[in-house]
Amino acid sequence: MSTTNTTRYAILGLLTIQPMSGYDLRKHLGESLNFFWAESNGQIYPALKKLVADEWIMPIKTHQRGRRTRQQYALTPVGRNQLKKWLAKPPHIQPPRNELILKLFLGRSAPNGALAQHVKAFKRRHEDVLGVLLNFRKTIPKDNARSADLDYWMLCLEHGIRLRQAEIEWSSVTLTRIASTSTRNRR
């Protein structure tokens, strides 16, 4: 299944929470799903257009006092059914592409210190993201206590936390191994 097709299902899933505008969808994708599913803005609007054409979602106008009319989208029964069918299918496993691991694999040819710098930067990025996720762990349950989606959101959050913790631990071990390997190779 192509990323564009999966974009449609990410949008359908977000619309199960509540009707949203294209802007709202972009915001949700960037703030919550982005930790495990990235979508470009260039994919969202064409997907919305196709979902409307397929009658999986319908545009609705919302009026807010003192503000202009907003175009939002709501899930249709057909769209909800399509989302359920997609959720029942096994996930498509995507082949990994990790440039850091590729560089480590080819590390014997790397300039002195380059691999350690890469791993240190990788570790810092994961430490930063872990800090954000740990903060979410505190705030999301408070802010969404009544949401029927909360338990599922917390499962995804826990995955992200544990993944970052494993990457940080791996980075520490790798830095030690790189130091001993470069010392051994200098002899």
Protein backbone atom coordinates (compact mmCIF):
# COMPACT_ATOMS: atom_id res chain seq x y z
CA MET A 1 0.00 0.00 0.00
CA SER A 2 1.37 3.38 -0.93
CA THR A 3 1.95 6.18 1.57
CA THR A 4 -0.72 8.25 -0.18
CA ASN A 5 -3.32 5.53 0.43
CA THR A 6 -2.27 5.29 4.07
CA THR A 7 -2.57 9.07 4.37
CA ARG A 8 -6.26 8.62 3.67
CA TYR A 9 -6.63 6.25 6.61
CA ALA A 10 -4.64 8.51 8.95
CA ILE A 11 -7.09 11.31 8.07
CA LEU A 12 -10.12 9.04 8.52
CA GLY A 13 -8.78 7.97 11.91
CA LEU A 14 -8.29 11.55 13.06
CA LEU A 15 -11.82 12.41 11.97
CA THR A 16 -13.16 9.75 14.37
CA ILE A 17 -12.13 12.12 17.15
CA GLN A 18 -14.17 15.05 15.81
CA PRO A 19 -14.77 17.00 12.57
CA MET A 20 -11.66 18.95 11.62
CA SER A 21 -10.46 21.44 9.03
CA GLY A 22 -7.43 20.78 6.84
CA TYR A 23 -5.48 23.04 9.19
CA ASP A 24 -6.65 21.04 12.24
CA LEU A 25 -5.63 17.80 10.54
CA ARG A 26 -2.17 19.19 9.72
CA LYS A 27 -1.81 20.31 13.32
CA HIS A 28 -2.81 16.89 14.73
CA LEU A 29 -0.53 15.08 12.29
CA GLY A 30 2.35 17.35 13.26
CA GLU A 31 1.81 17.28 17.01
CA SER A 32 0.76 13.73 17.77
CA LEU A 33 1.14 11.30 14.88
CA ASN A 34 4.45 12.81 13.75
CA PHE A 35 6.29 10.79 16.41
CA PHE A 36 5.48 7.61 14.50
CA TRP A 37 3.78 8.59 11.22
CA ALA A 38 4.96 11.54 9.13
CA GLU A 39 2.78 13.15 6.47
CA SER A 40 3.70 16.11 4.31
CA ASN A 41 1.27 18.99 3.90
CA GLY A 42 1.36 18.22 0.19
CA GLN A 43 -0.28 14.85 0.87
CA ILE A 44 -3.08 16.04 3.14
CA TYR A 45 -5.07 18.35 0.87
CA PRO A 46 -5.12 16.05 -2.20
CA ALA A 47 -6.14 13.19 0.11
CA LEU A 48 -9.00 15.30 1.52
CA LYS A 49 -10.19 16.07 -2.01
CA LYS A 50 -10.13 12.36 -2.94
CA LEU A 51 -11.89 11.35 0.29
CA VAL A 52 -14.69 13.83 -0.45
CA ALA A 53 -14.95 12.57 -4.06
CA ASP A 54 -15.15 8.97 -2.79
CA GLU A 55 -17.77 10.07 -0.23
CA TRP A 56 -15.71 8.75 2.67
CA ILE A 57 -15.85 12.21 4.27
CA MET A 58 -18.12 15.18 3.77
CA PRO A 59 -17.33 18.87 4.00
CA ILE A 60 -19.27 20.82 6.59
CA LYS A 61 -19.29 24.55 7.20
CA THR A 62 -18.91 25.71 10.76
CA HIS A 63 -19.85 29.15 11.93
CA GLN A 64 -18.09 30.71 14.88
CA ARG A 65 -19.28 33.91 16.40
CA GLY A 66 -17.19 36.83 15.20
CA ARG A 67 -15.08 34.64 12.92
CA ARG A 68 -15.26 33.58 9.32
CA THR A 69 -16.90 30.33 8.27
CA ARG A 70 -14.54 27.34 8.45
CA GLN A 71 -14.48 24.34 6.15
CA GLN A 72 -14.34 21.19 8.23
CA TYR A 73 -14.64 17.54 7.30
CA ALA A 74 -16.63 14.81 8.98
CA LEU A 75 -16.48 11.07 8.54
CA THR A 76 -19.35 9.46 6.62
CA PRO A 77 -20.69 5.97 7.38
CA VAL A 78 -18.91 4.75 4.22
CA GLY A 79 -15.64 6.27 5.46
CA ARG A 80 -16.06 4.74 8.92
CA ASN A 81 -16.65 1.35 7.29
CA GLN A 82 -13.55 1.74 5.07
CA LEU A 83 -11.47 2.68 8.13
CA LYS A 84 -12.67 -0.43 9.98
CA LYS A 85 -11.79 -2.63 7.00
CA TRP A 86 -8.31 -1.10 6.80
CA LEU A 87 -7.75 -1.46 10.57
CA ALA A 88 -8.61 -5.18 10.32
CA LYS A 89 -5.88 -5.80 7.71
CA PRO A 90 -2.34 -6.67 8.83
CA PRO A 91 -0.02 -3.65 8.74
CA HIS A 92 2.31 -3.27 5.78
CA ILE A 93 5.85 -3.70 7.06
CA GLN A 94 8.09 -1.10 5.49
CA PRO A 95 11.74 -1.87 4.91
CA PRO A 96 13.99 0.10 7.24
CA ARG A 97 16.29 2.83 5.96
CA ASN A 98 18.65 4.12 8.59
CA GLU A 99 21.59 6.19 7.36
CA LEU A 100 23.35 6.13 10.75
CA ILE A 101 23.36 2.32 10.80
CA LEU A 102 24.58 2.27 7.20
CA LYS A 103 27.46 4.57 8.14
CA LEU A 104 28.30 2.38 11.14
CA PHE A 105 28.28 -0.69 8.92
CA LEU A 106 30.80 1.04 6.66
CA GLY A 107 32.58 2.60 9.65
CA ARG A 108 36.06 1.19 9.00
CA SER A 109 36.39 3.78 6.22
CA ALA A 110 35.04 6.72 8.25
CA PRO A 111 37.30 9.61 9.27
CA ASN A 112 38.44 9.54 12.91
CA GLY A 113 35.77 10.81 15.26
CA ALA A 114 33.01 11.10 12.64
CA LEU A 115 31.02 8.07 13.81
CA ALA A 116 31.19 9.13 17.46
CA GLN A 117 29.91 12.60 16.51
CA HIS A 118 27.02 11.05 14.57
CA VAL A 119 26.07 8.75 17.46
CA LYS A 120 26.31 11.58 20.01
CA ALA A 121 23.98 13.74 17.89
CA PHE A 122 21.61 10.79 17.46
CA LYS A 123 21.59 10.22 21.23
CA ARG A 124 20.91 13.93 21.94
CA ARG A 125 17.97 13.96 19.50
CA HIS A 126 16.45 10.93 21.20
CA GLU A 127 17.01 12.44 24.65
CA ASP A 128 15.22 15.60 23.51
CA VAL A 129 12.27 13.64 22.09
CA LEU A 130 12.16 11.45 25.21
CA GLY A 131 11.81 14.59 27.33
CA VAL A 132 8.85 15.73 25.22
CA LEU A 133 7.21 12.30 25.38
CA LEU A 134 7.67 12.03 29.16
CA ASN A 135 5.99 15.43 29.50
CA PHE A 136 3.14 14.18 27.29
CA ARG A 137 2.82 11.16 29.58
CA LYS A 138 1.93 13.58 32.39
CA THR A 139 -0.32 15.99 30.48
CA ILE A 140 -2.24 13.84 27.99
CA PRO A 141 -4.22 11.87 30.62
CA LYS A 142 -5.18 15.09 32.41
CA ASP A 143 -6.14 16.94 29.23
CA ASN A 144 -8.03 13.99 27.70
CA ALA A 145 -9.44 12.15 30.73
CA ARG A 146 -12.86 11.71 29.10
CA SER A 147 -11.62 10.61 25.69
CA ALA A 148 -12.52 7.10 24.58
CA ASP A 149 -9.22 7.14 22.65
CA LEU A 150 -7.00 7.82 25.69
CA ASP A 151 -5.92 4.22 26.36
CA TYR A 152 -4.90 3.76 22.71
CA TRP A 153 -3.03 7.07 22.65
CA MET A 154 -1.16 6.07 25.81
CA LEU A 155 -0.14 2.74 24.26
CA CYS A 156 1.40 4.62 21.32
CA LEU A 157 3.06 7.08 23.67
CA GLU A 158 4.55 4.24 25.71
CA HIS A 159 5.93 2.71 22.52
CA GLY A 160 7.63 6.00 21.68
CA ILE A 161 9.08 6.33 25.19
CA ARG A 162 10.47 2.80 25.24
CA LEU A 163 11.85 3.12 21.72
CA ARG A 164 13.68 6.35 22.65
CA GLN A 165 15.01 4.78 25.86
CA ALA A 166 16.35 1.81 23.88
CA GLU A 167 17.98 4.12 21.31
CA ILE A 168 19.64 6.13 24.09
CA GLU A 169 20.93 2.97 25.77
CA TRP A 170 22.17 1.61 22.42
CA SER A 171 23.94 4.94 21.75
CA SER A 172 25.82 4.76 25.06
CA VAL A 173 26.98 1.20 24.38
CA THR A 174 27.88 2.10 20.79
CA LEU A 175 29.97 5.10 21.84
CA THR A 176 31.96 2.86 24.20
CA ARG A 177 32.47 0.28 21.45
CA ILE A 178 33.51 2.94 18.91
CA ALA A 179 36.10 4.29 21.34
CA SER A 180 37.57 0.83 21.98
CA THR A 181 37.47 -0.10 18.29
CA SER A 182 39.29 3.06 17.20
CA THR A 183 41.90 2.55 19.95
CA ARG A 184 42.43 -1.05 18.83
CA ASN A 185 42.69 -0.02 15.16
CA ARG A 186 45.31 2.66 15.90
CA ARG A 187 47.76 0.10 17.29
